Every structure is written in C-alpha cells, then in structure tokens.
C-alpha cells in the first residue's frame, strides 16, 4: 500500500481524527478551503487502498464546508470580499492588490436604488481637517432624527466603536460599504438584511463629536472614497448608475462613469481651469468634493462636469 505522501503535506492544515477512550472518533476543527479538500481527495485517489479514517476525514471536512456555504449564502459582494467579518471595523485591501481602474455598477434593477441617508446641510467635507484626514461627510441633524440605509445590503457592524460612537456599517451588493456614525440609537444588528431607505439608527452625538450630526462614509475594500464625487449632497441623489474606481499614486478615488476629467498640466491653477470651463473656482471645488483649493499636482485628475 502506498504511503499518503501527498496528503501528509496537508498535515498542518488538516487535523487528523483522534481516538477517544470509548473508541469513537473525535475531530479537531480547523478551517479548510475547497482547494485544500480537493487536493486531499486527489491524493487519496492515488492510493491502492483507502483506509476508513481517510473516508471519515473527507466526510467530516465536507460537512464543515457545506455548513460554511449555507452560512455565507446571501452575503453581499462575494466577488469583492472573501470574508464577512463582524468583528473588524475595516479590513483594508493592500493598494497593490487593487485594480488600477474598474467600473462599478452601483444602482440597477437587480441591485436596487440609492436613498439619501439624511437630508441636511453638510457641515464638514471629505479631506484634510485639523491636520487629520476626515474620511467622510458630516451632515447636520437633530438628536433622534431618522438615519436610513443608502443602498440594499447587509449590516456587518452595529455597535459602539471608539470615536465613531454608535456606528452601523452596511455592506452592499454593489461592492461598497457605507458607514453611519455618532448615532444616539442603533436600530439594526449584524446580519440584518436592509433595503435602501430602511431605518438603521437615530441621529446623535456619541463618540468624538462636538454636536449632533451624521458622519457618513463610503468605502470600497476598506478604502474611504469621497462621497461628494458621485453623490449630490444638495440634490440628495446619486449622480450616475455606475462609478469608476481608480487607484494611482494619489490614492483611491471614485467618480461617475459619465464624468469628464481634466488632467492637471504644469502651471495650472484652480482659477485658470475654472475659467477655461466656464465656472467659478467655488463650483469647480464643489464638483471635486472640496471647499478648499488644495495644491494641484501635475497628472492629477479633476472633474470638469
């Protein structure tokens, strides 16, 4: 009989069954991927004789994988995320693993529509603030105001979390995640399926907050995106059914797929670019999600419509 050299190489990944005092078999649970199980089964097919404990082992791990498949059914955006981690606030995908540019459909008949989480005055925009990066948009509200889900999805986090205070994080079927922070009350729990416009919490000032407001973030694979680049916070609507997510040396950004971009040239200024395209510098800044004239870098892209 052949030795199980091939399967022995999996000994670090597969826990062998152990005999208990009453001669029944006990198994020690470890995570095992489909590829590892397939590799193990292939190794058994090379044997002249397959022992009973190998058959038991395959049956045992197959049952675990079946249970895991059932548990993960319906989890949003499986093409973008391997895990649905309810413990971690964010898992950041390394930038070198991101595509340089990709089209992301965010609203459709199957994905659902967009619902503005809270209508109100924007009190702080995305970008550098007080020497720190502000990774979302702050919307004015009163304590107890309804805060609603932006897209269809599933609640991944719903708890008190540091500076966020009471926070809800929803993973959406379109691949985005949205964050709703400083809530006075949370009205959902992890694993809840929500639809766009569904109540998820009440506005408040918990966590690091100087007054009642909604801190709203949009993220892709853990990376914060500027929501004002593709969501209108004056008209309370999304600007296009799909967005371009781009990764370059300036970081990760997103903008409507139908937007026209201008590439910054040497000597350009906010005033000159705005004048060239028939708008004020204030309008140009607003279009690009900033209320300040940040330093322009050659090669950087600005939206001009």
Protein backbone atom coordinates (compact mmCIF):
# COMPACT_ATOMS: atom_id res chain seq x y z
CA UNK A 1 0.00 0.00 0.00
CA UNK A 2 1.28 3.48 -0.90
CA UNK A 3 2.06 5.97 1.83
CA UNK A 4 -0.06 9.14 1.79
CA UNK A 5 2.83 11.44 0.98
CA UNK A 6 0.65 13.92 -0.85
CA UNK A 7 -1.95 14.17 1.90
CA UNK A 8 0.71 14.17 4.60
CA UNK A 9 1.83 17.55 3.23
CA UNK A 10 -1.52 18.90 4.42
CA UNK A 11 -0.97 17.79 8.00
CA UNK A 12 -0.51 21.37 9.09
CA UNK A 13 -3.89 22.30 7.58
CA UNK A 14 -5.91 19.17 8.36
CA UNK A 15 -6.30 17.83 11.88
CA UNK A 16 -6.38 14.04 11.87
CA UNK A 17 -9.18 12.31 13.83
CA UNK A 18 -8.21 11.13 17.30
CA UNK A 19 -9.47 8.10 19.18
CA UNK A 20 -11.34 8.71 22.43
CA UNK A 21 -11.39 6.22 25.33
CA UNK A 22 -14.62 4.69 24.08
CA UNK A 23 -13.04 4.07 20.63
CA UNK A 24 -15.22 6.73 18.98
CA UNK A 25 -13.54 9.18 16.62
CA UNK A 26 -13.14 12.83 17.59
CA UNK A 27 -12.13 15.62 15.20
CA UNK A 28 -10.39 18.89 15.90
CA UNK A 29 -11.91 21.69 13.82
CA UNK A 30 -9.64 23.81 11.60
CA UNK A 31 -10.51 25.99 8.63
CA UNK A 32 -10.07 24.15 5.36
CA UNK A 33 -10.56 25.59 1.89
CA UNK A 34 -12.18 23.84 -1.07
CA UNK A 35 -8.79 23.73 -2.82
CA UNK A 36 -7.19 22.00 0.16
CA UNK A 37 -10.01 19.47 0.39
CA UNK A 38 -9.77 18.78 -3.37
CA UNK A 39 -6.00 18.31 -3.04
CA UNK A 40 -6.53 15.85 -0.19
CA UNK A 41 -9.16 13.86 -2.11
CA UNK A 42 -6.87 13.73 -5.18
CA UNK A 43 -4.13 12.27 -3.01
CA UNK A 44 -6.46 9.52 -1.82
CA UNK A 45 -7.32 8.54 -5.39
CA UNK A 46 -3.65 7.70 -5.96
CA UNK A 47 -3.74 5.05 -3.22
CA UNK A 48 -4.17 1.31 -3.79
CA UNK A 49 -6.29 1.12 -0.65
CA UNK A 50 -8.18 3.89 1.09
CA UNK A 51 -8.47 3.46 4.84
CA UNK A 52 -11.65 4.12 6.78
CA UNK A 53 -10.21 7.05 8.70
CA UNK A 54 -9.39 8.85 5.39
CA UNK A 55 -13.01 8.42 4.27
CA UNK A 56 -14.22 9.71 7.64
CA UNK A 57 -11.90 12.69 7.34
CA UNK A 58 -13.22 13.64 3.87
CA UNK A 59 -16.82 13.29 5.08
CA UNK A 60 -16.10 15.38 8.16
CA UNK A 61 -14.49 18.30 6.31
CA UNK A 62 -17.05 18.17 3.52
CA UNK A 63 -19.77 18.64 6.12
CA UNK A 64 -17.94 21.64 7.59
CA UNK A 65 -17.62 23.26 4.17
CA UNK A 66 -21.30 22.63 3.48
CA UNK A 67 -22.22 24.37 6.73
CA UNK A 68 -19.96 27.29 5.86
CA UNK A 69 -21.54 27.57 2.40
CA UNK A 70 -25.01 27.71 3.94
CA UNK A 71 -23.86 30.36 6.42
CA UNK A 72 -22.39 32.55 3.66
CA UNK A 73 -25.38 32.32 1.32
CA UNK A 74 -26.69 35.79 0.55
CA UNK A 75 -23.60 37.62 1.83
CA UNK A 76 -23.24 40.77 -0.31
CA UNK A 77 -20.48 41.27 -2.89
CA UNK A 78 -18.69 37.90 -2.61
CA UNK A 79 -16.68 38.80 -5.74
CA UNK A 80 -15.08 41.70 -3.85
CA UNK A 81 -14.76 40.34 -0.30
CA UNK A 82 -13.66 36.92 0.92
CA UNK A 83 -14.92 37.44 4.47
CA UNK A 84 -17.90 38.97 6.22
CA UNK A 85 -16.07 39.95 9.39
CA UNK A 86 -18.41 41.27 12.06
CA UNK A 87 -15.53 41.87 14.49
CA UNK A 88 -13.19 44.07 12.43
CA UNK A 89 -14.30 47.63 11.71
CA UNK A 90 -12.47 47.61 8.36
CA UNK A 91 -10.18 45.22 6.55
CA UNK A 92 -8.06 47.30 4.16
CA UNK A 93 -7.11 45.57 0.91
CA UNK A 94 -3.46 46.46 0.12
CA UNK A 95 -3.31 49.04 -2.67
CA UNK A 96 -1.02 46.83 -4.76
CA UNK A 97 -3.87 44.29 -4.91
CA UNK A 98 -6.37 46.80 -6.29
CA UNK A 99 -7.06 47.21 -9.98
CA UNK A 100 -5.70 50.44 -11.41
CA UNK A 101 -9.17 51.26 -12.70
CA UNK A 102 -12.50 49.48 -12.62
CA UNK A 103 -16.15 50.14 -13.38
CA UNK A 104 -18.55 49.53 -10.51
CA UNK A 105 -22.30 49.42 -11.14
CA UNK A 106 -23.93 50.85 -8.01
CA UNK A 107 -27.63 51.05 -8.89
CA UNK A 108 -29.69 48.85 -11.20
CA UNK A 109 -32.94 46.88 -11.29
CA UNK A 110 -31.22 43.97 -9.54
CA UNK A 111 -29.01 45.96 -7.13
CA UNK A 112 -31.71 48.46 -6.18
CA UNK A 113 -31.67 52.24 -5.98
CA UNK A 114 -29.95 54.88 -3.86
CA UNK A 115 -31.59 56.59 -0.88
CA UNK A 116 -30.02 59.64 0.74
CA UNK A 117 -29.31 58.64 4.37
CA UNK A 118 -30.19 62.06 5.82
CA UNK A 119 -31.13 65.29 4.10
CA UNK A 120 -29.38 68.24 5.68
CA UNK A 121 -26.64 70.83 5.48
CA UNK A 122 -23.12 69.48 5.00
CA UNK A 123 -21.06 70.87 7.87
CA UNK A 124 -17.74 69.21 7.04
CA UNK A 125 -16.49 67.72 3.79
CA UNK A 126 -14.15 64.89 2.93
CA UNK A 127 -10.44 65.71 3.14
CA UNK A 128 -7.78 67.06 5.47
CA UNK A 129 -9.17 68.80 8.53
CA UNK A 130 -7.22 69.95 11.58
CA UNK A 131 -4.14 68.10 10.28
CA UNK A 132 -6.12 64.84 10.13
CA UNK A 133 -7.85 63.10 7.26
CA UNK A 134 -11.64 63.40 7.53
CA UNK A 135 -12.78 60.24 5.75
CA UNK A 136 -16.44 61.09 5.34
CA UNK A 137 -19.11 63.77 5.06
CA UNK A 138 -20.76 65.35 8.11
CA UNK A 139 -24.47 66.15 7.79
CA UNK A 140 -26.29 68.33 10.29
CA UNK A 141 -29.24 66.79 12.13
CA UNK A 142 -31.13 66.82 15.42
CA UNK A 143 -30.80 64.10 18.01
CA UNK A 144 -33.36 61.41 17.25
CA UNK A 145 -33.63 62.16 13.51
CA UNK A 146 -34.03 59.08 11.33
CA UNK A 147 -30.89 57.79 9.57
CA UNK A 148 -31.53 55.39 6.70
CA UNK A 149 -29.57 52.92 4.59
CA UNK A 150 -28.17 54.28 1.32
CA UNK A 151 -28.34 51.01 -0.69
CA UNK A 152 -29.64 47.48 -0.31
CA UNK A 153 -27.28 45.36 1.75
CA UNK A 154 -26.47 43.55 4.98
CA UNK A 155 -25.42 45.03 8.32
CA UNK A 156 -21.86 43.98 9.13
CA UNK A 157 -21.17 46.13 12.21
CA UNK A 158 -23.67 47.65 14.67
CA UNK A 159 -22.13 48.67 17.99
CA UNK A 160 -20.31 51.33 19.95
CA UNK A 161 -16.86 51.80 18.44
CA UNK A 162 -14.32 54.36 19.68
CA UNK A 163 -14.50 57.78 18.05
CA UNK A 164 -17.37 56.66 15.83
CA UNK A 165 -19.60 56.26 18.87
CA UNK A 166 -22.64 54.19 17.99
CA UNK A 167 -21.94 53.13 14.43
CA UNK A 168 -23.58 50.99 11.75
CA UNK A 169 -21.62 49.65 8.78
CA UNK A 170 -23.55 48.12 5.90
CA UNK A 171 -22.04 46.04 3.13
CA UNK A 172 -23.92 46.47 -0.12
CA UNK A 173 -24.50 44.12 -3.03
CA UNK A 174 -22.81 46.63 -5.34
CA UNK A 175 -19.44 46.21 -3.58
CA UNK A 176 -19.47 49.39 -1.50
CA UNK A 177 -19.73 49.71 2.27
CA UNK A 178 -21.36 52.69 3.98
CA UNK A 179 -20.73 53.96 7.50
CA UNK A 180 -23.20 55.82 9.73
CA UNK A 181 -21.57 57.18 12.91
CA UNK A 182 -22.36 59.16 16.10
CA UNK A 183 -25.86 57.64 16.33
CA UNK A 184 -27.86 58.02 19.53
CA UNK A 185 -29.56 54.65 18.96
CA UNK A 186 -28.89 51.67 16.70
CA UNK A 187 -31.96 50.04 15.18
CA UNK A 188 -30.34 47.04 13.44
CA UNK A 189 -27.97 44.20 14.30
CA UNK A 190 -25.17 42.41 12.43
CA UNK A 191 -26.53 40.06 9.75
CA UNK A 192 -29.74 42.04 9.20
CA UNK A 193 -30.68 42.44 5.54
CA UNK A 194 -31.68 46.05 4.85
CA UNK A 195 -33.14 47.87 1.87
CA UNK A 196 -32.34 51.38 0.64
CA UNK A 197 -34.32 53.83 2.76
CA UNK A 198 -34.76 51.48 5.72
CA UNK A 199 -34.26 52.95 9.20
CA UNK A 200 -30.93 51.82 10.69
CA UNK A 201 -30.46 54.30 13.54
CA UNK A 202 -31.24 57.65 15.11
CA UNK A 203 -29.02 60.70 14.85
CA UNK A 204 -26.94 61.73 17.81
CA UNK A 205 -23.56 62.90 19.08
CA UNK A 206 -21.88 59.79 20.51
CA UNK A 207 -18.15 59.17 20.23
CA UNK A 208 -15.81 62.00 19.25
CA UNK A 209 -18.43 64.57 18.32
CA UNK A 210 -18.94 68.22 19.24
CA UNK A 211 -22.65 68.19 18.45
CA UNK A 212 -25.40 66.16 16.76
CA UNK A 213 -24.53 65.20 13.19
CA UNK A 214 -24.26 62.17 10.93
CA UNK A 215 -20.76 61.16 9.92
CA UNK A 216 -21.31 59.31 6.61
CA UNK A 217 -18.60 57.35 4.81
CA UNK A 218 -18.47 55.32 1.63
CA UNK A 219 -15.71 52.72 1.34
CA UNK A 220 -14.52 50.18 -1.21
CA UNK A 221 -12.48 47.24 0.09
CA UNK A 222 -11.82 49.28 3.21
CA UNK A 223 -10.55 52.38 1.39
CA UNK A 224 -12.50 55.61 2.02
CA UNK A 225 -13.93 57.31 -1.07
CA UNK A 226 -15.09 60.91 -1.30
CA UNK A 227 -18.90 60.53 -1.47
CA UNK A 228 -19.28 64.06 -2.87
CA UNK A 229 -17.53 62.94 -6.06
CA UNK A 230 -20.52 60.79 -7.08
CA UNK A 231 -23.35 61.75 -4.69
CA UNK A 232 -25.01 65.17 -4.77
CA UNK A 233 -25.48 66.42 -1.21
CA UNK A 234 -27.56 69.36 -2.44
CA UNK A 235 -29.95 67.36 -4.62
CA UNK A 236 -29.73 64.28 -2.36
CA UNK A 237 -29.20 61.79 -5.16
CA UNK A 238 -26.51 59.69 -6.77
CA UNK A 239 -25.12 61.20 -9.95
CA UNK A 240 -24.77 58.06 -12.07
CA UNK A 241 -25.72 54.37 -12.05
CA UNK A 242 -22.05 53.40 -12.20
CA UNK A 243 -18.78 54.83 -10.96
CA UNK A 244 -15.12 54.49 -11.88
CA UNK A 245 -12.85 53.49 -9.00
CA UNK A 246 -9.29 54.47 -9.73
CA UNK A 247 -6.09 53.65 -7.90
CA UNK A 248 -2.89 55.57 -8.52
CA UNK A 249 -0.07 57.25 -6.58
CA UNK A 250 -2.56 59.79 -5.23
CA UNK A 251 -4.61 57.05 -3.56
CA UNK A 252 -8.04 55.57 -4.28
CA UNK A 253 -10.81 57.76 -5.67
CA UNK A 254 -14.17 57.37 -7.37
CA UNK A 255 -16.22 59.45 -9.79
CA UNK A 256 -19.27 58.96 -12.04
CA UNK A 257 -18.60 56.88 -15.12
CA UNK A 258 -20.10 59.64 -17.29
CA UNK A 259 -17.88 62.40 -15.84
CA UNK A 260 -15.38 64.31 -17.95
CA UNK A 261 -11.95 64.57 -16.38
CA UNK A 262 -9.16 67.07 -16.90
CA UNK A 263 -5.52 66.14 -16.36
CA UNK A 264 -3.58 68.82 -14.49
CA UNK A 265 -0.76 70.39 -16.52
CA UNK A 266 2.29 72.31 -15.29
CA UNK A 267 1.31 75.88 -14.42
CA UNK A 268 -2.42 75.15 -13.98
CA UNK A 269 -4.39 76.80 -11.19
CA UNK A 270 -7.90 76.37 -9.84
CA UNK A 271 -8.84 79.79 -11.23
CA UNK A 272 -7.48 79.14 -14.74
CA UNK A 273 -9.13 75.72 -15.04
CA UNK A 274 -12.47 77.05 -13.77
CA UNK A 275 -12.32 79.99 -16.18
CA UNK A 276 -11.47 77.68 -19.08
CA UNK A 277 -14.59 75.58 -18.49
CA UNK A 278 -16.97 78.45 -17.69
CA UNK A 279 -17.40 78.06 -13.94
CA UNK A 280 -16.27 79.67 -10.71
CA UNK A 281 -13.47 78.24 -8.59
CA UNK A 282 -16.10 77.58 -5.93
CA UNK A 283 -18.13 75.50 -8.42
CA UNK A 284 -15.01 73.61 -9.53
CA UNK A 285 -14.04 72.87 -5.93
CA UNK A 286 -17.58 71.74 -5.13
CA UNK A 287 -17.63 69.46 -8.18
CA UNK A 288 -14.48 67.79 -6.89
CA UNK A 289 -15.77 67.42 -3.34
CA UNK A 290 -13.63 70.04 -1.65
CA UNK A 291 -14.29 73.51 -0.29
CA UNK A 292 -10.59 74.40 -0.26
CA UNK A 293 -8.17 74.92 -3.11
CA UNK A 294 -5.79 72.06 -2.46
CA UNK A 295 -2.41 72.02 -4.12
CA UNK A 296 -2.74 70.71 -7.67
CA UNK A 297 -0.29 68.05 -8.78
CA UNK A 298 0.70 67.50 -12.41
CA UNK A 299 -1.13 64.44 -13.73
CA UNK A 300 -3.89 64.62 -11.13
CA UNK A 301 -7.44 64.38 -12.47
CA UNK A 302 -10.19 66.93 -11.82
CA UNK A 303 -13.85 66.63 -12.73
CA UNK A 304 -15.00 69.42 -15.01
CA UNK A 305 -18.65 68.40 -15.44
